Every structure is written in structure tokens, then in C-alpha cells.
Amino acid sequence: MIITKESSSKEKLIVATIQLMSTRGFEAMGINSILEAADVSKSNFYYHFKSKEELCLAALEAMSNHFFSVFIDPILLDTKLSPKKRLQTLIASFKQKMIDSECCGGCPFVNLAAETADFHPGFRDRIARHYADYAERLARCFEAGIAKGEFTDKVKPAQAAQMMLSLMNGTMLMAKLQKDLSIIDANSQTLFNLLAKRD
């Protein structure tokens, strides 16, 4: 998401909040830091949002929509690729993001879930919905892979999707902590080995 001269003050606030939540987290991000990053007045802030929490929920909504429309759906819906290749391409794109960020930052949804889930039910519910939508997309891809004989039918698509989500989120964290991208390759290979169809 990019700010332009034509962006509204609401758009500027949302984009600035996404950037700050991704780097600082929710609690460390004050309204003044958002106003400064967005170059928006306090009166403009309160014209659009009642509180920081309301703004952050709007930012989460925008993040999720952007994540699927720009990052996930173009890969998982690309029927020119086999289902397995789509999933491999998705993992490769995660790896590239880690390379680009020099193993810093991590997934903002995971970071926010860890920080806010126990204290902000609205955040927990929105992030849970994000991952439910994500798992549904992955499950459809696994289902297509089973139909093509790429994956075992011994694991239900929904279970395979949950396993992939859990594995890759943990993998990104370990790659970040250890500054070692080979973890991504090793764990993704293990995932596909576990889900491969056996003759």
C-alpha cells in the first residue's frame, strides 16, 4: 500500500498505522507517532476514528485484504501451475521476503496475535478470521493436489492447511531468530514429504 498526494487523510492514517504496527507493535505505537508518520492532524484523526484501537482494526482489515489480493491469491489461484507448485511458489515468496528484510520483522499478523490476543478481543477475532480465510485457500489448493495425485488423501485438506500454516509461521520465526534461511527449505521439504502420495 502506497501513499500518494491524492491519498485521503484516512488512507494516510491506515498506511502509517500498518507500517508502525509492523515495526513497533501495537502497544509501543502512540497516536502522536501515527499522526507524525501520516502527516495528519489530530482533528483529522478523530474525524475518522474514535480511538487508536478502531484505527488499528481498520488497518488490520486493509492489511488482510492487501495480503490476499496482492500476495496470496495471485499464486494460489494460478491454475497454470500445479497445486504443489503453487504452494512451493508461495513458500519461495515468503523466503524472498525474509531475504529482502534481512530476516527482520516477521509476519505482522503473527506478531500482533502474540501481542494483543489476550487483551484485545476485537484484534483476536479479526486475526482469527484472517487465518481462517488463509487456511480455507490453502485447503482448496491441497484438495486440488489430492485430485491430481500430488498429495496423499490420508490427510484431510483442512488438516494439511492448518499444518502448513503452523509450520511456516514457526519456520519464519526460527529463520528470523537464527538468521538462517536454510530452515525454510528444510521444513518445507519435510512438509511436502509428509503430504506426498504414497504408491
C-alpha atoms as a PDB file:
ATOM      1  CA  MET A   1       0.000   0.000   0.000  1.00  0.00           C
ATOM      2  CA  ILE A   2       1.454   3.338  -1.105  1.00  0.00           C
ATOM      3  CA  ILE A   3       0.694   6.900  -0.059  1.00  0.00           C
ATOM      4  CA  THR A   4       0.334   9.434  -2.880  1.00  0.00           C
ATOM      5  CA  LYS A   5      -0.500  13.125  -2.996  1.00  0.00           C
ATOM      6  CA  GLU A   6      -4.069  12.119  -3.773  1.00  0.00           C
ATOM      7  CA  SER A   7      -4.394   9.846  -0.718  1.00  0.00           C
ATOM      8  CA  SER A   8      -7.046  10.905   1.781  1.00  0.00           C
ATOM      9  CA  SER A   9      -6.177  11.584   5.406  1.00  0.00           C
ATOM     10  CA  LYS A  10      -7.957   8.324   6.309  1.00  0.00           C
ATOM     11  CA  GLU A  11      -5.785   6.361   3.859  1.00  0.00           C
ATOM     12  CA  LYS A  12      -2.662   8.043   5.200  1.00  0.00           C
ATOM     13  CA  LEU A  13      -3.592   7.109   8.756  1.00  0.00           C
ATOM     14  CA  ILE A  14      -4.230   3.479   7.820  1.00  0.00           C
ATOM     15  CA  VAL A  15      -0.983   3.099   5.862  1.00  0.00           C
ATOM     16  CA  ALA A  16       1.065   4.778   8.590  1.00  0.00           C
ATOM     17  CA  THR A  17      -0.538   2.505  11.184  1.00  0.00           C
ATOM     18  CA  ILE A  18       0.254  -0.609   9.140  1.00  0.00           C
ATOM     19  CA  GLN A  19       3.900   0.452   8.885  1.00  0.00           C
ATOM     20  CA  LEU A  20       4.167   1.237  12.591  1.00  0.00           C
ATOM     21  CA  MET A  21       2.339  -1.901  13.743  1.00  0.00           C
ATOM     22  CA  SER A  22       4.670  -3.976  11.589  1.00  0.00           C
ATOM     23  CA  THR A  23       7.814  -2.427  13.083  1.00  0.00           C
ATOM     24  CA  ARG A  24       6.889  -1.331  16.611  1.00  0.00           C
ATOM     25  CA  GLY A  25       3.856  -3.397  17.531  1.00  0.00           C
ATOM     26  CA  PHE A  26       0.564  -2.153  18.928  1.00  0.00           C
ATOM     27  CA  GLU A  27       1.417  -1.079  22.470  1.00  0.00           C
ATOM     28  CA  ALA A  28       4.552   0.900  21.541  1.00  0.00           C
ATOM     29  CA  MET A  29       2.683   2.839  18.881  1.00  0.00           C
ATOM     30  CA  GLY A  30       1.141   6.040  20.230  1.00  0.00           C
ATOM     31  CA  ILE A  31      -1.346   8.298  18.487  1.00  0.00           C
ATOM     32  CA  ASN A  32       1.268  11.047  18.153  1.00  0.00           C
ATOM     33  CA  SER A  33       3.643   8.718  16.327  1.00  0.00           C
ATOM     34  CA  ILE A  34       0.815   7.776  13.944  1.00  0.00           C
ATOM     35  CA  LEU A  35      -0.016  11.441  13.313  1.00  0.00           C
ATOM     36  CA  GLU A  36       3.624  12.241  12.639  1.00  0.00           C
ATOM     37  CA  ALA A  37       4.095   9.282  10.261  1.00  0.00           C
ATOM     38  CA  ALA A  38       0.862  10.054   8.406  1.00  0.00           C
ATOM     39  CA  ASP A  39       1.381  13.836   8.455  1.00  0.00           C
ATOM     40  CA  VAL A  40      -2.227  14.231   9.556  1.00  0.00           C
ATOM     41  CA  SER A  41      -3.681  16.483  12.254  1.00  0.00           C
ATOM     42  CA  LYS A  42      -5.254  15.201  15.461  1.00  0.00           C
ATOM     43  CA  SER A  43      -8.614  16.661  14.420  1.00  0.00           C
ATOM     44  CA  ASN A  44      -8.427  14.658  11.190  1.00  0.00           C
ATOM     45  CA  PHE A  45      -7.642  11.536  13.195  1.00  0.00           C
ATOM     46  CA  TYR A  46     -10.707  11.921  15.404  1.00  0.00           C
ATOM     47  CA  TYR A  47     -12.870  12.821  12.413  1.00  0.00           C
ATOM     48  CA  HIS A  48     -12.246   9.331  11.002  1.00  0.00           C
ATOM     49  CA  PHE A  49     -11.642   7.191  14.116  1.00  0.00           C
ATOM     50  CA  LYS A  50     -12.815   7.203  17.717  1.00  0.00           C
ATOM     51  CA  SER A  51      -9.655   5.617  19.104  1.00  0.00           C
ATOM     52  CA  LYS A  52      -6.317   4.032  18.282  1.00  0.00           C
ATOM     53  CA  GLU A  53      -7.972   0.625  18.604  1.00  0.00           C
ATOM     54  CA  GLU A  54     -10.570   1.491  15.954  1.00  0.00           C
ATOM     55  CA  LEU A  55      -7.854   2.738  13.596  1.00  0.00           C
ATOM     56  CA  CYS A  56      -5.785  -0.407  14.165  1.00  0.00           C
ATOM     57  CA  LEU A  57      -8.755  -2.634  13.373  1.00  0.00           C
ATOM     58  CA  ALA A  58      -9.232  -0.711  10.119  1.00  0.00           C
ATOM     59  CA  ALA A  59      -5.525  -1.165   9.418  1.00  0.00           C
ATOM     60  CA  LEU A  60      -5.819  -4.909  10.098  1.00  0.00           C
ATOM     61  CA  GLU A  61      -8.711  -5.116   7.646  1.00  0.00           C
ATOM     62  CA  ALA A  62      -6.680  -3.303   4.993  1.00  0.00           C
ATOM     63  CA  MET A  63      -3.614  -5.468   5.698  1.00  0.00           C
ATOM     64  CA  SER A  64      -5.605  -8.659   5.319  1.00  0.00           C
ATOM     65  CA  ASN A  65      -7.294  -7.557   2.100  1.00  0.00           C
ATOM     66  CA  HIS A  66      -3.939  -6.471   0.636  1.00  0.00           C
ATOM     67  CA  PHE A  67      -2.257  -9.699   1.746  1.00  0.00           C
ATOM     68  CA  PHE A  68      -4.764 -11.846  -0.123  1.00  0.00           C
ATOM     69  CA  SER A  69      -5.289  -9.711  -3.224  1.00  0.00           C
ATOM     70  CA  VAL A  70      -1.624  -8.912  -3.881  1.00  0.00           C
ATOM     71  CA  PHE A  71       0.318 -11.765  -2.326  1.00  0.00           C
ATOM     72  CA  ILE A  72      -1.722 -14.947  -1.801  1.00  0.00           C
ATOM     73  CA  ASP A  73      -4.467 -15.144  -4.425  1.00  0.00           C
ATOM     74  CA  PRO A  74      -2.259 -14.440  -7.482  1.00  0.00           C
ATOM     75  CA  ILE A  75      -0.218 -17.509  -6.523  1.00  0.00           C
ATOM     76  CA  LEU A  76      -2.833 -19.915  -5.160  1.00  0.00           C
ATOM     77  CA  LEU A  77      -5.305 -19.195  -7.962  1.00  0.00           C
ATOM     78  CA  ASP A  78      -2.742 -19.549 -10.738  1.00  0.00           C
ATOM     79  CA  THR A  79      -4.074 -22.667 -12.463  1.00  0.00           C
ATOM     80  CA  LYS A  80      -1.164 -22.639 -14.922  1.00  0.00           C
ATOM     81  CA  LEU A  81       0.816 -24.116 -12.017  1.00  0.00           C
ATOM     82  CA  SER A  82       0.107 -27.475 -10.393  1.00  0.00           C
ATOM     83  CA  PRO A  83      -1.287 -27.257  -6.821  1.00  0.00           C
ATOM     84  CA  LYS A  84       2.048 -28.429  -5.373  1.00  0.00           C
ATOM     85  CA  LYS A  85       3.960 -25.866  -7.433  1.00  0.00           C
ATOM     86  CA  ARG A  86       1.606 -23.115  -6.240  1.00  0.00           C
ATOM     87  CA  LEU A  87       2.365 -23.981  -2.616  1.00  0.00           C
ATOM     88  CA  GLN A  88       6.092 -24.196  -3.322  1.00  0.00           C
ATOM     89  CA  THR A  89       5.942 -20.807  -5.042  1.00  0.00           C
ATOM     90  CA  LEU A  90       4.128 -19.356  -2.047  1.00  0.00           C
ATOM     91  CA  ILE A  91       6.814 -20.612   0.322  1.00  0.00           C
ATOM     92  CA  ALA A  92       9.530 -19.288  -2.003  1.00  0.00           C
ATOM     93  CA  SER A  93       7.870 -15.869  -1.887  1.00  0.00           C
ATOM     94  CA  PHE A  94       7.951 -15.971   1.920  1.00  0.00           C
ATOM     95  CA  LYS A  95      11.640 -16.789   1.733  1.00  0.00           C
ATOM     96  CA  GLN A  96      12.251 -13.882  -0.636  1.00  0.00           C
ATOM     97  CA  LYS A  97      10.507 -11.532   1.777  1.00  0.00           C
ATOM     98  CA  MET A  98      12.841 -12.748   4.517  1.00  0.00           C
ATOM     99  CA  ILE A  99      15.817 -12.143   2.235  1.00  0.00           C
ATOM    100  CA  ASP A 100      14.586  -8.641   1.379  1.00  0.00           C
ATOM    101  CA  SER A 101      14.095  -7.791   5.071  1.00  0.00           C
ATOM    102  CA  GLU A 102      17.383  -9.442   6.101  1.00  0.00           C
ATOM    103  CA  CYS A 103      15.424 -11.766   8.422  1.00  0.00           C
ATOM    104  CA  CYS A 104      13.906  -8.856  10.331  1.00  0.00           C
ATOM    105  CA  GLY A 105      10.290  -8.011  11.100  1.00  0.00           C
ATOM    106  CA  GLY A 106       8.483 -11.283  10.571  1.00  0.00           C
ATOM    107  CA  CYS A 107       4.760 -11.691   9.896  1.00  0.00           C
ATOM    108  CA  PRO A 108       2.782  -8.725  11.272  1.00  0.00           C
ATOM    109  CA  PHE A 109      -0.291 -10.910  11.838  1.00  0.00           C
ATOM    110  CA  VAL A 110       1.681 -13.357  13.980  1.00  0.00           C
ATOM    111  CA  ASN A 111       3.370 -10.516  15.856  1.00  0.00           C
ATOM    112  CA  LEU A 112       0.058  -8.786  16.560  1.00  0.00           C
ATOM    113  CA  ALA A 113      -1.654 -12.028  17.576  1.00  0.00           C
ATOM    114  CA  ALA A 114       1.079 -12.699  20.125  1.00  0.00           C
ATOM    115  CA  GLU A 115       0.906  -9.143  21.470  1.00  0.00           C
ATOM    116  CA  THR A 116      -2.822  -8.448  21.538  1.00  0.00           C
ATOM    117  CA  ALA A 117      -4.843 -11.695  21.576  1.00  0.00           C
ATOM    118  CA  ASP A 118      -5.180 -11.856  25.371  1.00  0.00           C
ATOM    119  CA  PHE A 119      -6.075  -8.192  25.828  1.00  0.00           C
ATOM    120  CA  HIS A 120      -7.990  -7.044  22.755  1.00  0.00           C
ATOM    121  CA  PRO A 121     -10.811  -9.401  21.730  1.00  0.00           C
ATOM    122  CA  GLY A 122     -11.524  -7.370  18.595  1.00  0.00           C
ATOM    123  CA  PHE A 123      -7.974  -7.911  17.393  1.00  0.00           C
ATOM    124  CA  ARG A 124      -8.079 -11.608  18.263  1.00  0.00           C
ATOM    125  CA  ASP A 125     -11.320 -12.074  16.319  1.00  0.00           C
ATOM    126  CA  ARG A 126     -10.066 -10.190  13.247  1.00  0.00           C
ATOM    127  CA  ILE A 127      -6.738 -12.032  13.162  1.00  0.00           C
ATOM    128  CA  ALA A 128      -8.519 -15.357  13.687  1.00  0.00           C
ATOM    129  CA  ARG A 129     -10.753 -14.559  10.711  1.00  0.00           C
ATOM    130  CA  HIS A 130      -7.682 -13.692   8.633  1.00  0.00           C
ATOM    131  CA  TYR A 131      -6.127 -17.083   9.360  1.00  0.00           C
ATOM    132  CA  ALA A 132      -9.415 -18.895   8.760  1.00  0.00           C
ATOM    133  CA  ASP A 133      -9.623 -17.298   5.306  1.00  0.00           C
ATOM    134  CA  TYR A 134      -5.977 -18.182   4.699  1.00  0.00           C
ATOM    135  CA  ALA A 135      -6.473 -21.804   5.778  1.00  0.00           C
ATOM    136  CA  GLU A 136      -9.527 -22.116   3.516  1.00  0.00           C
ATOM    137  CA  ARG A 137      -7.475 -21.017   0.498  1.00  0.00           C
ATOM    138  CA  LEU A 138      -4.696 -23.451   1.334  1.00  0.00           C
ATOM    139  CA  ALA A 139      -7.185 -26.275   1.873  1.00  0.00           C
ATOM    140  CA  ARG A 140      -8.652 -25.743  -1.595  1.00  0.00           C
ATOM    141  CA  CYS A 141      -5.150 -25.982  -3.051  1.00  0.00           C
ATOM    142  CA  PHE A 142      -4.428 -29.193  -1.140  1.00  0.00           C
ATOM    143  CA  GLU A 143      -7.770 -30.594  -2.272  1.00  0.00           C
ATOM    144  CA  ALA A 144      -6.831 -29.896  -5.895  1.00  0.00           C
ATOM    145  CA  GLY A 145      -3.457 -31.527  -5.290  1.00  0.00           C
ATOM    146  CA  ILE A 146      -5.124 -34.667  -3.925  1.00  0.00           C
ATOM    147  CA  ALA A 147      -7.335 -34.826  -7.015  1.00  0.00           C
ATOM    148  CA  LYS A 148      -4.235 -34.612  -9.220  1.00  0.00           C
ATOM    149  CA  GLY A 149      -2.420 -37.281  -7.232  1.00  0.00           C
ATOM    150  CA  GLU A 150       0.222 -34.906  -5.858  1.00  0.00           C
ATOM    151  CA  PHE A 151      -0.789 -35.264  -2.205  1.00  0.00           C
ATOM    152  CA  THR A 152      -1.959 -38.123  -0.035  1.00  0.00           C
ATOM    153  CA  ASP A 153      -5.667 -38.436   0.651  1.00  0.00           C
ATOM    154  CA  LYS A 154      -4.842 -39.778   4.126  1.00  0.00           C
ATOM    155  CA  VAL A 155      -4.668 -36.191   5.422  1.00  0.00           C
ATOM    156  CA  LYS A 156      -7.765 -34.044   5.050  1.00  0.00           C
ATOM    157  CA  PRO A 157      -7.177 -30.783   3.135  1.00  0.00           C
ATOM    158  CA  ALA A 158      -8.241 -28.671   6.135  1.00  0.00           C
ATOM    159  CA  GLN A 159      -5.746 -30.506   8.371  1.00  0.00           C
ATOM    160  CA  ALA A 160      -2.978 -30.124   5.781  1.00  0.00           C
ATOM    161  CA  ALA A 161      -3.737 -26.398   5.578  1.00  0.00           C
ATOM    162  CA  GLN A 162      -3.533 -25.971   9.355  1.00  0.00           C
ATOM    163  CA  MET A 163      -0.292 -27.938   9.442  1.00  0.00           C
ATOM    164  CA  MET A 164       1.231 -25.769   6.720  1.00  0.00           C
ATOM    165  CA  LEU A 165       0.152 -22.539   8.407  1.00  0.00           C
ATOM    166  CA  SER A 166       1.550 -23.625  11.768  1.00  0.00           C
ATOM    167  CA  LEU A 167       4.760 -24.988  10.292  1.00  0.00           C
ATOM    168  CA  MET A 168       5.536 -21.979   8.140  1.00  0.00           C
ATOM    169  CA  ASN A 169       4.740 -19.402  10.826  1.00  0.00           C
ATOM    170  CA  GLY A 170       7.051 -21.240  13.204  1.00  0.00           C
ATOM    171  CA  THR A 171       9.634 -21.622  10.455  1.00  0.00           C
ATOM    172  CA  MET A 172       9.680 -17.889   9.742  1.00  0.00           C
ATOM    173  CA  LEU A 173      10.184 -17.210  13.439  1.00  0.00           C
ATOM    174  CA  MET A 174      13.090 -19.654  13.681  1.00  0.00           C
ATOM    175  CA  ALA A 175      14.668 -18.291  10.486  1.00  0.00           C
ATOM    176  CA  LYS A 176      14.419 -14.801  11.966  1.00  0.00           C
ATOM    177  CA  LEU A 177      15.896 -15.833  15.319  1.00  0.00           C
ATOM    178  CA  GLN A 178      18.735 -17.861  13.855  1.00  0.00           C
ATOM    179  CA  LYS A 179      19.268 -15.691  10.751  1.00  0.00           C
ATOM    180  CA  ASP A 180      19.273 -18.922   8.770  1.00  0.00           C
ATOM    181  CA  LEU A 181      17.079 -19.195   5.683  1.00  0.00           C
ATOM    182  CA  SER A 182      18.004 -22.840   5.110  1.00  0.00           C
ATOM    183  CA  ILE A 183      15.416 -23.652   7.803  1.00  0.00           C
ATOM    184  CA  ILE A 184      12.702 -22.610   5.334  1.00  0.00           C
ATOM    185  CA  ASP A 185      13.964 -25.017   2.675  1.00  0.00           C
ATOM    186  CA  ALA A 186      14.386 -27.905   5.110  1.00  0.00           C
ATOM    187  CA  ASN A 187      10.980 -27.507   6.762  1.00  0.00           C
ATOM    188  CA  SER A 188       9.099 -27.017   3.516  1.00  0.00           C
ATOM    189  CA  GLN A 189      10.714 -30.156   2.106  1.00  0.00           C
ATOM    190  CA  THR A 190       9.650 -32.050   5.224  1.00  0.00           C
ATOM    191  CA  LEU A 191       6.100 -30.755   4.789  1.00  0.00           C
ATOM    192  CA  PHE A 192       5.849 -31.970   1.213  1.00  0.00           C
ATOM    193  CA  ASN A 193       7.442 -35.292   2.105  1.00  0.00           C
ATOM    194  CA  LEU A 194       4.810 -35.851   4.783  1.00  0.00           C
ATOM    195  CA  LEU A 195       1.968 -34.967   2.434  1.00  0.00           C
ATOM    196  CA  ALA A 196       3.241 -36.786  -0.655  1.00  0.00           C
ATOM    197  CA  LYS A 197       1.068 -39.515  -2.120  1.00  0.00           C
ATOM    198  CA  ARG A 198       2.492 -42.967  -1.494  1.00  0.00           C
ATOM    199  CA  ASP A 199       2.198 -45.635  -4.192  1.00  0.00           C
END
